[in-house]
C-alpha atoms as a PDB file:
ATOM      1  CA  UNK A   1       0.000   0.000   0.000  1.00  0.00           C
ATOM      2  CA  UNK A   2       1.362   3.452  -0.952  1.00  0.00           C
ATOM      3  CA  UNK A   3       1.973   5.611   2.130  1.00  0.00           C
ATOM      4  CA  UNK A   4       2.679   8.902   0.358  1.00  0.00           C
ATOM      5  CA  UNK A   5       3.034  10.481  -3.059  1.00  0.00           C
ATOM      6  CA  UNK A   6       6.374  12.257  -3.052  1.00  0.00           C
ATOM      7  CA  UNK A   7       7.763  14.796  -5.525  1.00  0.00           C
ATOM      8  CA  UNK A   8      11.573  14.780  -5.519  1.00  0.00           C
ATOM      9  CA  UNK A   9      13.862  17.361  -7.168  1.00  0.00           C
ATOM     10  CA  UNK A  10      17.641  16.950  -7.416  1.00  0.00           C
ATOM     11  CA  UNK A  11      19.946  17.684 -10.349  1.00  0.00           C
ATOM     12  CA  UNK A  12      22.187  14.687  -9.558  1.00  0.00           C
ATOM     13  CA  UNK A  13      20.922  11.478 -11.128  1.00  0.00           C
ATOM     14  CA  UNK A  14      22.587   9.241  -8.536  1.00  0.00           C
ATOM     15  CA  UNK A  15      20.870  11.104  -5.690  1.00  0.00           C
ATOM     16  CA  UNK A  16      17.518  10.875  -7.432  1.00  0.00           C
ATOM     17  CA  UNK A  17      17.901   7.165  -8.066  1.00  0.00           C
ATOM     18  CA  UNK A  18      19.168   6.385  -4.556  1.00  0.00           C
ATOM     19  CA  UNK A  19      16.481   8.390  -2.727  1.00  0.00           C
ATOM     20  CA  UNK A  20      13.803   7.163  -5.117  1.00  0.00           C
ATOM     21  CA  UNK A  21      14.737   3.543  -4.420  1.00  0.00           C
ATOM     22  CA  UNK A  22      14.771   4.082  -0.650  1.00  0.00           C
ATOM     23  CA  UNK A  23      11.410   5.841  -0.686  1.00  0.00           C
ATOM     24  CA  UNK A  24       9.848   3.135  -2.843  1.00  0.00           C
ATOM     25  CA  UNK A  25      11.237   0.521  -0.477  1.00  0.00           C
ATOM     26  CA  UNK A  26       9.386   2.326   2.319  1.00  0.00           C
ATOM     27  CA  UNK A  27       6.188   2.003   0.283  1.00  0.00           C
ATOM     28  CA  UNK A  28       5.980   5.501  -1.143  1.00  0.00           C
ATOM     29  CA  UNK A  29       5.269   6.549  -4.723  1.00  0.00           C
ATOM     30  CA  UNK A  30       7.956   8.850  -6.114  1.00  0.00           C
ATOM     31  CA  UNK A  31       8.060  11.302  -9.015  1.00  0.00           C
ATOM     32  CA  UNK A  32      11.602  12.625  -9.621  1.00  0.00           C
ATOM     33  CA  UNK A  33      12.573  15.774 -11.547  1.00  0.00           C
ATOM     34  CA  UNK A  34      15.855  17.628 -12.101  1.00  0.00           C
ATOM     35  CA  UNK A  35      15.146  21.245 -11.038  1.00  0.00           C
ATOM     36  CA  UNK A  36      12.728  23.674  -9.449  1.00  0.00           C
ATOM     37  CA  UNK A  37      11.101  24.686 -12.728  1.00  0.00           C
ATOM     38  CA  UNK A  38      10.044  21.074 -13.292  1.00  0.00           C
ATOM     39  CA  UNK A  39       8.717  20.951  -9.735  1.00  0.00           C
ATOM     40  CA  UNK A  40       6.374  23.859 -10.507  1.00  0.00           C
ATOM     41  CA  UNK A  41       5.315  22.251 -13.781  1.00  0.00           C
ATOM     42  CA  UNK A  42       4.556  18.935 -12.062  1.00  0.00           C
ATOM     43  CA  UNK A  43       3.240  19.781  -8.596  1.00  0.00           C
ATOM     44  CA  UNK A  44      -0.454  19.410  -7.754  1.00  0.00           C
ATOM     45  CA  UNK A  45      -2.745  18.673  -4.833  1.00  0.00           C
ATOM     46  CA  UNK A  46      -2.157  14.972  -5.477  1.00  0.00           C
ATOM     47  CA  UNK A  47       1.308  15.084  -3.870  1.00  0.00           C
ATOM     48  CA  UNK A  48       1.765  14.679  -0.119  1.00  0.00           C
ATOM     49  CA  UNK A  49       5.445  15.615   0.351  1.00  0.00           C
ATOM     50  CA  UNK A  50       8.055  17.557  -1.645  1.00  0.00           C
ATOM     51  CA  UNK A  51      11.811  16.954  -1.300  1.00  0.00           C
ATOM     52  CA  UNK A  52      13.966  19.768  -2.693  1.00  0.00           C
ATOM     53  CA  UNK A  53      17.673  19.999  -3.257  1.00  0.00           C
ATOM     54  CA  UNK A  54      19.011  23.511  -2.662  1.00  0.00           C
ATOM     55  CA  UNK A  55      21.685  23.823  -5.347  1.00  0.00           C
ATOM     56  CA  UNK A  56      19.950  23.126  -8.649  1.00  0.00           C
ATOM     57  CA  UNK A  57      20.256  24.734 -12.113  1.00  0.00           C
ATOM     58  CA  UNK A  58      17.438  26.763 -13.716  1.00  0.00           C
ATOM     59  CA  UNK A  59      15.713  27.351 -10.339  1.00  0.00           C
ATOM     60  CA  UNK A  60      17.312  26.562  -6.990  1.00  0.00           C
ATOM     61  CA  UNK A  61      15.546  25.248  -3.918  1.00  0.00           C
ATOM     62  CA  UNK A  62      14.959  28.617  -2.251  1.00  0.00           C
ATOM     63  CA  UNK A  63      13.466  30.124  -5.408  1.00  0.00           C
ATOM     64  CA  UNK A  64      11.300  27.059  -5.846  1.00  0.00           C
ATOM     65  CA  UNK A  65      10.010  27.224  -2.263  1.00  0.00           C
ATOM     66  CA  UNK A  66       9.071  30.884  -2.689  1.00  0.00           C
ATOM     67  CA  UNK A  67       7.104  29.988  -5.823  1.00  0.00           C
ATOM     68  CA  UNK A  68       5.439  27.055  -4.052  1.00  0.00           C
ATOM     69  CA  UNK A  69       4.369  29.328  -1.205  1.00  0.00           C
ATOM     70  CA  UNK A  70       2.505  31.492  -3.716  1.00  0.00           C
ATOM     71  CA  UNK A  71       0.569  28.447  -4.956  1.00  0.00           C
ATOM     72  CA  UNK A  72      -0.720  27.890  -1.381  1.00  0.00           C
ATOM     73  CA  UNK A  73      -0.887  24.132  -1.788  1.00  0.00           C
ATOM     74  CA  UNK A  74       0.393  23.658   1.765  1.00  0.00           C
ATOM     75  CA  UNK A  75       2.406  20.563   0.848  1.00  0.00           C
ATOM     76  CA  UNK A  76       5.231  19.991   3.398  1.00  0.00           C
ATOM     77  CA  UNK A  77       8.642  20.705   1.857  1.00  0.00           C
ATOM     78  CA  UNK A  78      11.817  18.950   3.052  1.00  0.00           C
ATOM     79  CA  UNK A  79      15.127  20.490   1.940  1.00  0.00           C
ATOM     80  CA  UNK A  80      18.148  18.416   1.001  1.00  0.00           C
ATOM     81  CA  UNK A  81      21.196  20.238   2.370  1.00  0.00           C
ATOM     82  CA  UNK A  82      24.862  19.345   2.562  1.00  0.00           C
ATOM     83  CA  UNK A  83      26.265  18.228   5.906  1.00  0.00           C
ATOM     84  CA  UNK A  84      27.332  21.109   8.087  1.00  0.00           C
ATOM     85  CA  UNK A  85      25.393  23.696   6.079  1.00  0.00           C
ATOM     86  CA  UNK A  86      23.369  24.948   9.038  1.00  0.00           C
ATOM     87  CA  UNK A  87      22.962  28.368   7.423  1.00  0.00           C
ATOM     88  CA  UNK A  88      21.053  26.824   4.526  1.00  0.00           C
ATOM     89  CA  UNK A  89      18.974  24.758   6.923  1.00  0.00           C
ATOM     90  CA  UNK A  90      17.942  27.824   8.926  1.00  0.00           C
ATOM     91  CA  UNK A  91      17.169  29.798   5.791  1.00  0.00           C
ATOM     92  CA  UNK A  92      14.959  27.011   4.491  1.00  0.00           C
ATOM     93  CA  UNK A  93      12.990  26.884   7.751  1.00  0.00           C
ATOM     94  CA  UNK A  94      12.455  30.657   7.669  1.00  0.00           C
ATOM     95  CA  UNK A  95      11.022  30.338   4.177  1.00  0.00           C
ATOM     96  CA  UNK A  96       8.495  27.842   5.444  1.00  0.00           C
ATOM     97  CA  UNK A  97      10.172  24.487   4.848  1.00  0.00           C
ATOM     98  CA  UNK A  98       8.768  21.769   7.097  1.00  0.00           C
ATOM     99  CA  UNK A  99      12.140  20.115   7.762  1.00  0.00           C
ATOM    100  CA  UNK A 100      15.581  19.543   6.220  1.00  0.00           C
ATOM    101  CA  UNK A 101      17.503  16.366   5.401  1.00  0.00           C
ATOM    102  CA  UNK A 102      21.277  16.135   5.542  1.00  0.00           C
ATOM    103  CA  UNK A 103      22.975  14.865   2.425  1.00  0.00           C
ATOM    104  CA  UNK A 104      24.143  12.165   2.038  1.00  0.00           C
ATOM    105  CA  UNK A 105      21.330  10.280   3.730  1.00  0.00           C
ATOM    106  CA  UNK A 106      22.960   7.824   6.142  1.00  0.00           C
ATOM    107  CA  UNK A 107      20.309   7.252   8.766  1.00  0.00           C
ATOM    108  CA  UNK A 108      17.442   5.620   6.846  1.00  0.00           C
ATOM    109  CA  UNK A 109      15.312   5.203   9.957  1.00  0.00           C
ATOM    110  CA  UNK A 110      15.501   8.946  10.645  1.00  0.00           C
ATOM    111  CA  UNK A 111      14.857   9.663   6.967  1.00  0.00           C
ATOM    112  CA  UNK A 112      11.718   7.490   6.993  1.00  0.00           C
ATOM    113  CA  UNK A 113      10.581   9.113  10.231  1.00  0.00           C
ATOM    114  CA  UNK A 114      10.950  12.583   8.666  1.00  0.00           C
ATOM    115  CA  UNK A 115       8.864  11.503   5.690  1.00  0.00           C
ATOM    116  CA  UNK A 116       6.147  10.102   7.944  1.00  0.00           C
ATOM    117  CA  UNK A 117       6.035  13.286  10.024  1.00  0.00           C
ATOM    118  CA  UNK A 118       5.689  15.356   6.877  1.00  0.00           C
ATOM    119  CA  UNK A 119       2.945  13.001   5.679  1.00  0.00           C
ATOM    120  CA  UNK A 120       1.097  13.395   8.982  1.00  0.00           C
ATOM    121  CA  UNK A 121       1.367  17.163   8.570  1.00  0.00           C
ATOM    122  CA  UNK A 122      -0.085  16.934   5.069  1.00  0.00           C
ATOM    123  CA  UNK A 123      -2.965  14.723   6.193  1.00  0.00           C
ATOM    124  CA  UNK A 124      -3.684  17.107   9.047  1.00  0.00           C
ATOM    125  CA  UNK A 125      -3.842  19.995   6.552  1.00  0.00           C
ATOM    126  CA  UNK A 126      -6.179  18.019   4.300  1.00  0.00           C
ATOM    127  CA  UNK A 127      -8.444  17.144   7.238  1.00  0.00           C
ATOM    128  CA  UNK A 128      -8.546  20.787   8.267  1.00  0.00           C
ATOM    129  CA  UNK A 129      -9.418  21.797   4.714  1.00  0.00           C
ATOM    130  CA  UNK A 130     -12.172  19.199   4.522  1.00  0.00           C
ATOM    131  CA  UNK A 131     -13.533  20.299   7.895  1.00  0.00           C
ATOM    132  CA  UNK A 132     -13.443  23.944   6.798  1.00  0.00           C
ATOM    133  CA  UNK A 133     -15.252  23.125   3.558  1.00  0.00           C
ATOM    134  CA  UNK A 134     -17.882  21.128   5.437  1.00  0.00           C
ATOM    135  CA  UNK A 135     -18.273  23.932   7.963  1.00  0.00           C
ATOM    136  CA  UNK A 136     -18.565  26.548   5.221  1.00  0.00           C
ATOM    137  CA  UNK A 137     -21.108  24.405   3.384  1.00  0.00           C
ATOM    138  CA  UNK A 138     -23.098  23.947   6.597  1.00  0.00           C
ATOM    139  CA  UNK A 139     -22.977  27.672   7.360  1.00  0.00           C
ATOM    140  CA  UNK A 140     -24.030  28.439   3.786  1.00  0.00           C
ATOM    141  CA  UNK A 141     -26.915  25.967   4.029  1.00  0.00           C
ATOM    142  CA  UNK A 142     -28.017  27.348   7.403  1.00  0.00           C
ATOM    143  CA  UNK A 143     -27.742  30.898   6.094  1.00  0.00           C
ATOM    144  CA  UNK A 144     -29.799  30.005   3.041  1.00  0.00           C
ATOM    145  CA  UNK A 145     -32.372  28.294   5.264  1.00  0.00           C
ATOM    146  CA  UNK A 146     -32.481  31.325   7.568  1.00  0.00           C
ATOM    147  CA  UNK A 147     -32.913  33.692   4.624  1.00  0.00           C
ATOM    148  CA  UNK A 148     -35.752  31.566   3.296  1.00  0.00           C
ATOM    149  CA  UNK A 149     -37.440  31.526   6.704  1.00  0.00           C
ATOM    150  CA  UNK A 150     -36.941  35.267   7.074  1.00  0.00           C
ATOM    151  CA  UNK A 151     -38.471  35.791   3.636  1.00  0.00           C
ATOM    152  CA  UNK A 152     -41.473  33.676   4.634  1.00  0.00           C
ATOM    153  CA  UNK A 153     -41.808  35.576   7.910  1.00  0.00           C
ATOM    154  CA  UNK A 154     -41.549  38.895   6.080  1.00  0.00           C
ATOM    155  CA  UNK A 155     -44.217  37.775   3.625  1.00  0.00           C
ATOM    156  CA  UNK A 156     -46.454  36.589   6.459  1.00  0.00           C
ATOM    157  CA  UNK A 157     -45.869  39.875   8.265  1.00  0.00           C
ATOM    158  CA  UNK A 158     -46.860  41.822   5.139  1.00  0.00           C
ATOM    159  CA  UNK A 159     -50.027  39.766   4.786  1.00  0.00           C
ATOM    160  CA  UNK A 160     -50.827  40.302   8.456  1.00  0.00           C
ATOM    161  CA  UNK A 161     -50.217  44.042   8.185  1.00  0.00           C
ATOM    162  CA  UNK A 162     -52.411  44.284   5.096  1.00  0.00           C
ATOM    163  CA  UNK A 163     -55.164  42.226   6.712  1.00  0.00           C
ATOM    164  CA  UNK A 164     -55.070  44.404   9.833  1.00  0.00           C
ATOM    165  CA  UNK A 165     -55.091  47.594   7.788  1.00  0.00           C
ATOM    166  CA  UNK A 166     -57.948  46.369   5.601  1.00  0.00           C
ATOM    167  CA  UNK A 167     -60.006  45.461   8.651  1.00  0.00           C
ATOM    168  CA  UNK A 168     -59.550  48.917  10.149  1.00  0.00           C
ATOM    169  CA  UNK A 169     -60.347  50.581   6.821  1.00  0.00           C
ATOM    170  CA  UNK A 170     -63.487  48.485   6.459  1.00  0.00           C
ATOM    171  CA  UNK A 171     -64.690  49.677   9.843  1.00  0.00           C
ATOM    172  CA  UNK A 172     -63.886  53.270   8.947  1.00  0.00           C
ATOM    173  CA  UNK A 173     -65.644  52.995   5.568  1.00  0.00           C
ATOM    174  CA  UNK A 174     -68.704  51.560   7.284  1.00  0.00           C
ATOM    175  CA  UNK A 175     -68.710  54.546   9.644  1.00  0.00           C
ATOM    176  CA  UNK A 176     -68.452  57.043   6.786  1.00  0.00           C
ATOM    177  CA  UNK A 177     -71.179  55.372   4.759  1.00  0.00           C
ATOM    178  CA  UNK A 178     -73.644  55.897   7.615  1.00  0.00           C
ATOM    179  CA  UNK A 179     -73.389  59.621   6.930  1.00  0.00           C
ATOM    180  CA  UNK A 180     -73.987  60.703   3.335  1.00  0.00           C
ATOM    181  CA  UNK A 181     -72.058  63.916   3.974  1.00  0.00           C
ATOM    182  CA  UNK A 182     -68.774  62.189   4.928  1.00  0.00           C
ATOM    183  CA  UNK A 183     -68.947  59.185   2.582  1.00  0.00           C
ATOM    184  CA  UNK A 184     -65.796  58.937   0.485  1.00  0.00           C
ATOM    185  CA  UNK A 185     -63.894  61.497   2.569  1.00  0.00           C
ATOM    186  CA  UNK A 186     -61.029  59.133   3.426  1.00  0.00           C
ATOM    187  CA  UNK A 187     -60.629  57.996  -0.176  1.00  0.00           C
ATOM    188  CA  UNK A 188     -60.469  61.558  -1.479  1.00  0.00           C
ATOM    189  CA  UNK A 189     -58.042  62.744   1.206  1.00  0.00           C
ATOM    190  CA  UNK A 190     -55.781  59.804   0.374  1.00  0.00           C
ATOM    191  CA  UNK A 191     -55.840  60.634  -3.350  1.00  0.00           C
ATOM    192  CA  UNK A 192     -55.086  64.306  -2.693  1.00  0.00           C
ATOM    193  CA  UNK A 193     -52.223  63.430  -0.339  1.00  0.00           C
ATOM    194  CA  UNK A 194     -50.677  61.048  -2.858  1.00  0.00           C
ATOM    195  CA  UNK A 195     -50.948  63.689  -5.605  1.00  0.00           C
ATOM    196  CA  UNK A 196     -48.990  66.100  -3.426  1.00  0.00           C
ATOM    197  CA  UNK A 197     -46.454  63.481  -2.375  1.00  0.00           C
ATOM    198  CA  UNK A 198     -45.810  62.421  -5.948  1.00  0.00           C
ATOM    199  CA  UNK A 199     -45.331  66.027  -7.066  1.00  0.00           C
ATOM    200  CA  UNK A 200     -42.920  66.599  -4.165  1.00  0.00           C
ATOM    201  CA  UNK A 201     -40.980  63.474  -5.238  1.00  0.00           C
ATOM    202  CA  UNK A 202     -41.275  61.617  -1.951  1.00  0.00           C
ATOM    203  CA  UNK A 203     -39.528  58.256  -1.649  1.00  0.00           C
ATOM    204  CA  UNK A 204     -41.408  54.982  -1.974  1.00  0.00           C
ATOM    205  CA  UNK A 205     -41.259  54.471   1.790  1.00  0.00           C
ATOM    206  CA  UNK A 206     -42.569  57.969   2.466  1.00  0.00           C
ATOM    207  CA  UNK A 207     -45.401  57.479  -0.018  1.00  0.00           C
ATOM    208  CA  UNK A 208     -46.452  54.262   1.730  1.00  0.00           C
ATOM    209  CA  UNK A 209     -46.532  55.977   5.134  1.00  0.00           C
ATOM    210  CA  UNK A 210     -48.395  58.936   3.634  1.00  0.00           C
ATOM    211  CA  UNK A 211     -50.997  56.669   2.045  1.00  0.00           C
ATOM    212  CA  UNK A 212     -51.635  54.710   5.226  1.00  0.00           C
ATOM    213  CA  UNK A 213     -51.748  57.829   7.378  1.00  0.00           C
ATOM    214  CA  UNK A 214     -54.258  59.453   5.030  1.00  0.00           C
ATOM    215  CA  UNK A 215     -56.382  56.319   5.009  1.00  0.00           C
ATOM    216  CA  UNK A 216     -56.429  56.191   8.808  1.00  0.00           C
ATOM    217  CA  UNK A 217     -56.375  59.889   9.729  1.00  0.00           C
ATOM    218  CA  UNK A 218     -59.986  59.914  10.990  1.00  0.00           C
ATOM    219  CA  UNK A 219     -60.023  56.437  12.531  1.00  0.00           C
ATOM    220  CA  UNK A 220     -60.550  58.044  15.941  1.00  0.00           C
ATOM    221  CA  UNK A 221     -64.076  59.036  14.896  1.00  0.00           C
ATOM    222  CA  UNK A 222     -65.043  55.367  15.113  1.00  0.00           C
ATOM    223  CA  UNK A 223     -65.606  55.748  18.854  1.00  0.00           C
ATOM    224  CA  UNK A 224     -67.143  59.221  18.739  1.00  0.00           C
ATOM    225  CA  UNK A 225     -70.834  59.839  19.233  1.00  0.00           C
ATOM    226  CA  UNK A 226     -72.063  59.977  15.628  1.00  0.00           C
ATOM    227  CA  UNK A 227     -74.543  62.599  16.692  1.00  0.00           C
ATOM    228  CA  UNK A 228     -71.664  65.082  16.885  1.00  0.00           C
ATOM    229  CA  UNK A 229     -70.563  64.279  13.352  1.00  0.00           C
ATOM    230  CA  UNK A 230     -74.020  64.231  11.779  1.00  0.00           C
ATOM    231  CA  UNK A 231     -75.451  67.169  13.715  1.00  0.00           C
ATOM    232  CA  UNK A 232     -77.001  69.919  11.624  1.00  0.00           C
ATOM    233  CA  UNK A 233     -75.763  73.244  12.948  1.00  0.00           C
ATOM    234  CA  UNK A 234     -72.962  74.390  15.214  1.00  0.00           C
ATOM    235  CA  UNK A 235     -71.585  72.076  17.899  1.00  0.00           C
ATOM    236  CA  UNK A 236     -71.773  72.905  21.594  1.00  0.00           C
ATOM    237  CA  UNK A 237     -68.542  73.402  23.536  1.00  0.00           C
ATOM    238  CA  UNK A 238     -68.914  69.913  24.981  1.00  0.00           C
ATOM    239  CA  UNK A 239     -69.524  68.364  21.559  1.00  0.00           C
ATOM    240  CA  UNK A 240     -66.598  70.272  20.053  1.00  0.00           C
ATOM    241  CA  UNK A 241     -64.335  69.038  22.857  1.00  0.00           C
ATOM    242  CA  UNK A 242     -65.311  65.460  21.998  1.00  0.00           C
ATOM    243  CA  UNK A 243     -64.609  65.963  18.300  1.00  0.00           C
ATOM    244  CA  UNK A 244     -61.197  67.446  19.079  1.00  0.00           C
ATOM    245  CA  UNK A 245     -60.251  64.208  20.808  1.00  0.00           C
ATOM    246  CA  UNK A 246     -60.437  62.089  17.646  1.00  0.00           C
ATOM    247  CA  UNK A 247     -56.728  62.535  16.668  1.00  0.00           C
ATOM    248  CA  UNK A 248     -55.631  61.217  20.069  1.00  0.00           C
ATOM    249  CA  UNK A 249     -58.203  58.444  20.024  1.00  0.00           C
ATOM    250  CA  UNK A 250     -57.078  57.444  16.525  1.00  0.00           C
ATOM    251  CA  UNK A 251     -53.456  57.324  17.604  1.00  0.00           C
ATOM    252  CA  UNK A 252     -54.385  55.168  20.598  1.00  0.00           C
ATOM    253  CA  UNK A 253     -56.351  52.736  18.413  1.00  0.00           C
ATOM    254  CA  UNK A 254     -53.259  51.817  16.389  1.00  0.00           C
ATOM    255  CA  UNK A 255     -50.520  52.476  18.959  1.00  0.00           C
ATOM    256  CA  UNK A 256     -49.940  48.752  19.551  1.00  0.00           C
ATOM    257  CA  UNK A 257     -49.427  48.135  15.831  1.00  0.00           C
ATOM    258  CA  UNK A 258     -45.677  48.652  15.556  1.00  0.00           C
ATOM    259  CA  UNK A 259     -45.682  48.827  11.761  1.00  0.00           C
ATOM    260  CA  UNK A 260     -47.890  51.949  11.946  1.00  0.00           C
ATOM    261  CA  UNK A 261     -45.718  53.954  14.345  1.00  0.00           C
ATOM    262  CA  UNK A 262     -45.064  56.822  11.913  1.00  0.00           C
ATOM    263  CA  UNK A 263     -48.644  56.813  10.749  1.00  0.00           C
ATOM    264  CA  UNK A 264     -49.782  57.078  14.370  1.00  0.00           C
ATOM    265  CA  UNK A 265     -47.858  60.295  14.879  1.00  0.00           C
ATOM    266  CA  UNK A 266     -49.390  61.774  11.716  1.00  0.00           C
ATOM    267  CA  UNK A 267     -52.877  60.758  12.850  1.00  0.00           C
ATOM    268  CA  UNK A 268     -52.362  62.447  16.220  1.00  0.00           C
ATOM    269  CA  UNK A 269     -51.039  65.611  14.589  1.00  0.00           C
ATOM    270  CA  UNK A 270     -53.127  66.147  11.448  1.00  0.00           C
ATOM    271  CA  UNK A 271     -55.116  68.984  13.081  1.00  0.00           C
ATOM    272  CA  UNK A 272     -52.039  70.880  14.295  1.00  0.00           C
ATOM    273  CA  UNK A 273     -51.213  74.293  12.802  1.00  0.00           C
ATOM    274  CA  UNK A 274     -47.927  75.979  11.990  1.00  0.00           C
ATOM    275  CA  UNK A 275     -48.784  78.843  14.350  1.00  0.00           C
ATOM    276  CA  UNK A 276     -49.302  76.487  17.305  1.00  0.00           C
ATOM    277  CA  UNK A 277     -53.057  77.064  17.522  1.00  0.00           C
ATOM    278  CA  UNK A 278     -54.058  73.572  16.404  1.00  0.00           C
ATOM    279  CA  UNK A 279     -55.021  70.556  18.481  1.00  0.00           C
ATOM    280  CA  UNK A 280     -54.572  68.318  20.409  1.00  0.00           C
ATOM    281  CA  UNK A 281     -51.007  69.362  21.364  1.00  0.00           C
ATOM    282  CA  UNK A 282     -50.684  72.899  20.048  1.00  0.00           C
ATOM    283  CA  UNK A 283     -47.490  72.018  18.204  1.00  0.00           C
ATOM    284  CA  UNK A 284     -45.617  74.658  16.187  1.00  0.00           C
ATOM    285  CA  UNK A 285     -44.114  74.494  12.699  1.00  0.00           C
ATOM    286  CA  UNK A 286     -40.860  72.818  13.696  1.00  0.00           C
ATOM    287  CA  UNK A 287     -42.733  70.039  15.472  1.00  0.00           C
ATOM    288  CA  UNK A 288     -44.981  69.100  12.556  1.00  0.00           C
ATOM    289  CA  UNK A 289     -43.433  66.806   9.936  1.00  0.00           C
ATOM    290  CA  UNK A 290     -43.824  67.163   6.173  1.00  0.00           C
ATOM    291  CA  UNK A 291     -46.103  64.145   5.798  1.00  0.00           C
ATOM    292  CA  UNK A 292     -48.414  65.525   8.481  1.00  0.00           C
ATOM    293  CA  UNK A 293     -48.522  68.892   6.695  1.00  0.00           C
ATOM    294  CA  UNK A 294     -49.515  67.145   3.465  1.00  0.00           C
ATOM    295  CA  UNK A 295     -52.359  65.232   5.131  1.00  0.00           C
ATOM    296  CA  UNK A 296     -53.531  68.437   6.825  1.00  0.00           C
ATOM    297  CA  UNK A 297     -53.819  70.289   3.503  1.00  0.00           C
ATOM    298  CA  UNK A 298     -55.532  67.332   1.781  1.00  0.00           C
ATOM    299  CA  UNK A 299     -57.954  66.855   4.676  1.00  0.00           C
ATOM    300  CA  UNK A 300     -58.823  70.564   4.927  1.00  0.00           C
ATOM    301  CA  UNK A 301     -59.359  70.909   1.176  1.00  0.00           C
ATOM    302  CA  UNK A 302     -61.749  67.976   1.085  1.00  0.00           C
ATOM    303  CA  UNK A 303     -63.597  69.254   4.146  1.00  0.00           C
ATOM    304  CA  UNK A 304     -64.064  72.632   2.465  1.00  0.00           C
ATOM    305  CA  UNK A 305     -65.200  71.201  -0.877  1.00  0.00           C
ATOM    306  CA  UNK A 306     -67.573  68.599   0.617  1.00  0.00           C
ATOM    307  CA  UNK A 307     -71.139  69.303   1.728  1.00  0.00           C
ATOM    308  CA  UNK A 308     -71.894  69.035   5.401  1.00  0.00           C
ATOM    309  CA  UNK A 309     -75.187  68.891   7.269  1.00  0.00           C
ATOM    310  CA  UNK A 310     -74.544  72.333   8.691  1.00  0.00           C
ATOM    311  CA  UNK A 311     -73.086  74.164   5.650  1.00  0.00           C
ATOM    312  CA  UNK A 312     -72.643  74.163   1.888  1.00  0.00           C
ATOM    313  CA  UNK A 313     -69.384  73.196   0.224  1.00  0.00           C
ATOM    314  CA  UNK A 314     -66.924  75.641  -1.329  1.00  0.00           C
ATOM    315  CA  UNK A 315     -65.904  75.513  -4.968  1.00  0.00           C
ATOM    316  CA  UNK A 316     -62.474  74.267  -5.916  1.00  0.00           C
ATOM    317  CA  UNK A 317     -61.209  77.794  -6.588  1.00  0.00           C
ATOM    318  CA  UNK A 318     -62.622  79.196  -3.342  1.00  0.00           C
ATOM    319  CA  UNK A 319     -61.154  76.332  -1.311  1.00  0.00           C
ATOM    320  CA  UNK A 320     -57.779  76.834  -2.995  1.00  0.00           C
ATOM    321  CA  UNK A 321     -57.930  80.559  -2.206  1.00  0.00           C
ATOM    322  CA  UNK A 322     -58.657  79.701   1.428  1.00  0.00           C
ATOM    323  CA  UNK A 323     -55.610  77.424   1.537  1.00  0.00           C
ATOM    324  CA  UNK A 324     -53.454  80.281   0.216  1.00  0.00           C
ATOM    325  CA  UNK A 325     -55.009  82.751   2.695  1.00  0.00           C
ATOM    326  CA  UNK A 326     -54.149  80.490   5.632  1.00  0.00           C
ATOM    327  CA  UNK A 327     -50.718  79.457   4.328  1.00  0.00           C
ATOM    328  CA  UNK A 328     -47.953  80.211   6.805  1.00  0.00           C
ATOM    329  CA  UNK A 329     -50.349  80.204   9.758  1.00  0.00           C
ATOM    330  CA  UNK A 330     -52.364  77.010   9.439  1.00  0.00           C
ATOM    331  CA  UNK A 331     -50.896  75.344   6.365  1.00  0.00           C
ATOM    332  CA  UNK A 332     -47.403  74.795   4.962  1.00  0.00           C
ATOM    333  CA  UNK A 333     -46.956  77.349   2.117  1.00  0.00           C
ATOM    334  CA  UNK A 334     -44.877  74.955  -0.004  1.00  0.00           C
ATOM    335  CA  UNK A 335     -47.426  72.152   0.312  1.00  0.00           C
ATOM    336  CA  UNK A 336     -50.259  74.556  -0.544  1.00  0.00           C
ATOM    337  CA  UNK A 337     -48.360  75.826  -3.601  1.00  0.00           C
ATOM    338  CA  UNK A 338     -47.661  72.290  -4.815  1.00  0.00           C
ATOM    339  CA  UNK A 339     -51.282  71.230  -4.295  1.00  0.00           C
ATOM    340  CA  UNK A 340     -52.595  74.317  -6.063  1.00  0.00           C
ATOM    341  CA  UNK A 341     -50.362  73.595  -9.061  1.00  0.00           C
ATOM    342  CA  UNK A 342     -51.592  69.999  -9.145  1.00  0.00           C
ATOM    343  CA  UNK A 343     -55.213  71.133  -9.007  1.00  0.00           C
ATOM    344  CA  UNK A 344     -54.634  73.648 -11.784  1.00  0.00           C
ATOM    345  CA  UNK A 345     -53.093  71.000 -14.003  1.00  0.00           C
ATOM    346  CA  UNK A 346     -56.029  68.595 -13.917  1.00  0.00           C
ATOM    347  CA  UNK A 347     -59.637  68.913 -14.991  1.00  0.00           C
ATOM    348  CA  UNK A 348     -62.577  68.971 -12.658  1.00  0.00           C
ATOM    349  CA  UNK A 349     -63.638  65.552 -13.955  1.00  0.00           C
ATOM    350  CA  UNK A 350     -60.448  63.947 -12.685  1.00  0.00           C
ATOM    351  CA  UNK A 351     -60.743  65.341  -9.179  1.00  0.00           C
ATOM    352  CA  UNK A 352     -62.113  62.941  -6.556  1.00  0.00           C
ATOM    353  CA  UNK A 353     -64.763  65.450  -5.467  1.00  0.00           C
ATOM    354  CA  UNK A 354     -68.376  64.452  -5.075  1.00  0.00           C
END
């Protein structure tokens, strides 16, 4: 049985033949060449041990070892060095040689032991490589499995979010449909808000938050006394106080839905004003985000252009003029300007106004 596959390089034929015969007698398979260049042309992963003479033509042992190091085959290299040449032996070890063999080889037992040690080193390297490959393959498989599970969880989460949102919207739509004056309000506010957002070149993520916030901005009215909403004529102070609570109530309804955190803040703030005279917090301009300002303009425009039980609706032009009149105090001037330009660019038939 072959113990090792050995690549031997020595420019002296007698040395090659003698060492080759000894190694074969020990049960090893030997491939002999005459110089370092031939070593590089012959070497492969199939070899277990390399034996190099130092003084060779074309490419000496040190040059060959440097070239072998660049190949990163990690095959143990044993240098053949003349007796007493300790300097060469030390130099070979510094270059990464596994061991060195004194020439001429007199102690065959020691020579065989050196070969076996080098072979053990090579087999250890191969086991480590195999273990590393197996570990990398396992990590890759586990990573792929984790990514697949994460994708499934993300998909499930999206379905759950959409189902939750649709349920809330269904409840809100049912509430609006009970009152002919507010039916379709949420849909129109959402369309207006998205028109503004698109014109202002919001990102995809911002547009999604804007759409959801617009859809849910009046969700707090679900728990209000509908008599306040449907009442013909002015509200009493007590009724007005109840109505003013709907932004907070709406925010509380969805506050446990983590995926609607940003939307919740917009819902709570969509009746704030730049001059701090809004409700429920009385926030000023610097405390009201852009998406909230967009929803505020869209909501106010639809409120002005929609009929109510207690008043007639304004025309598109009159409502736009009112937005401009209140810009800087109640509404964001830039948002108003953008919305006005959008309204001017489309026909009355394309507006979502009933």
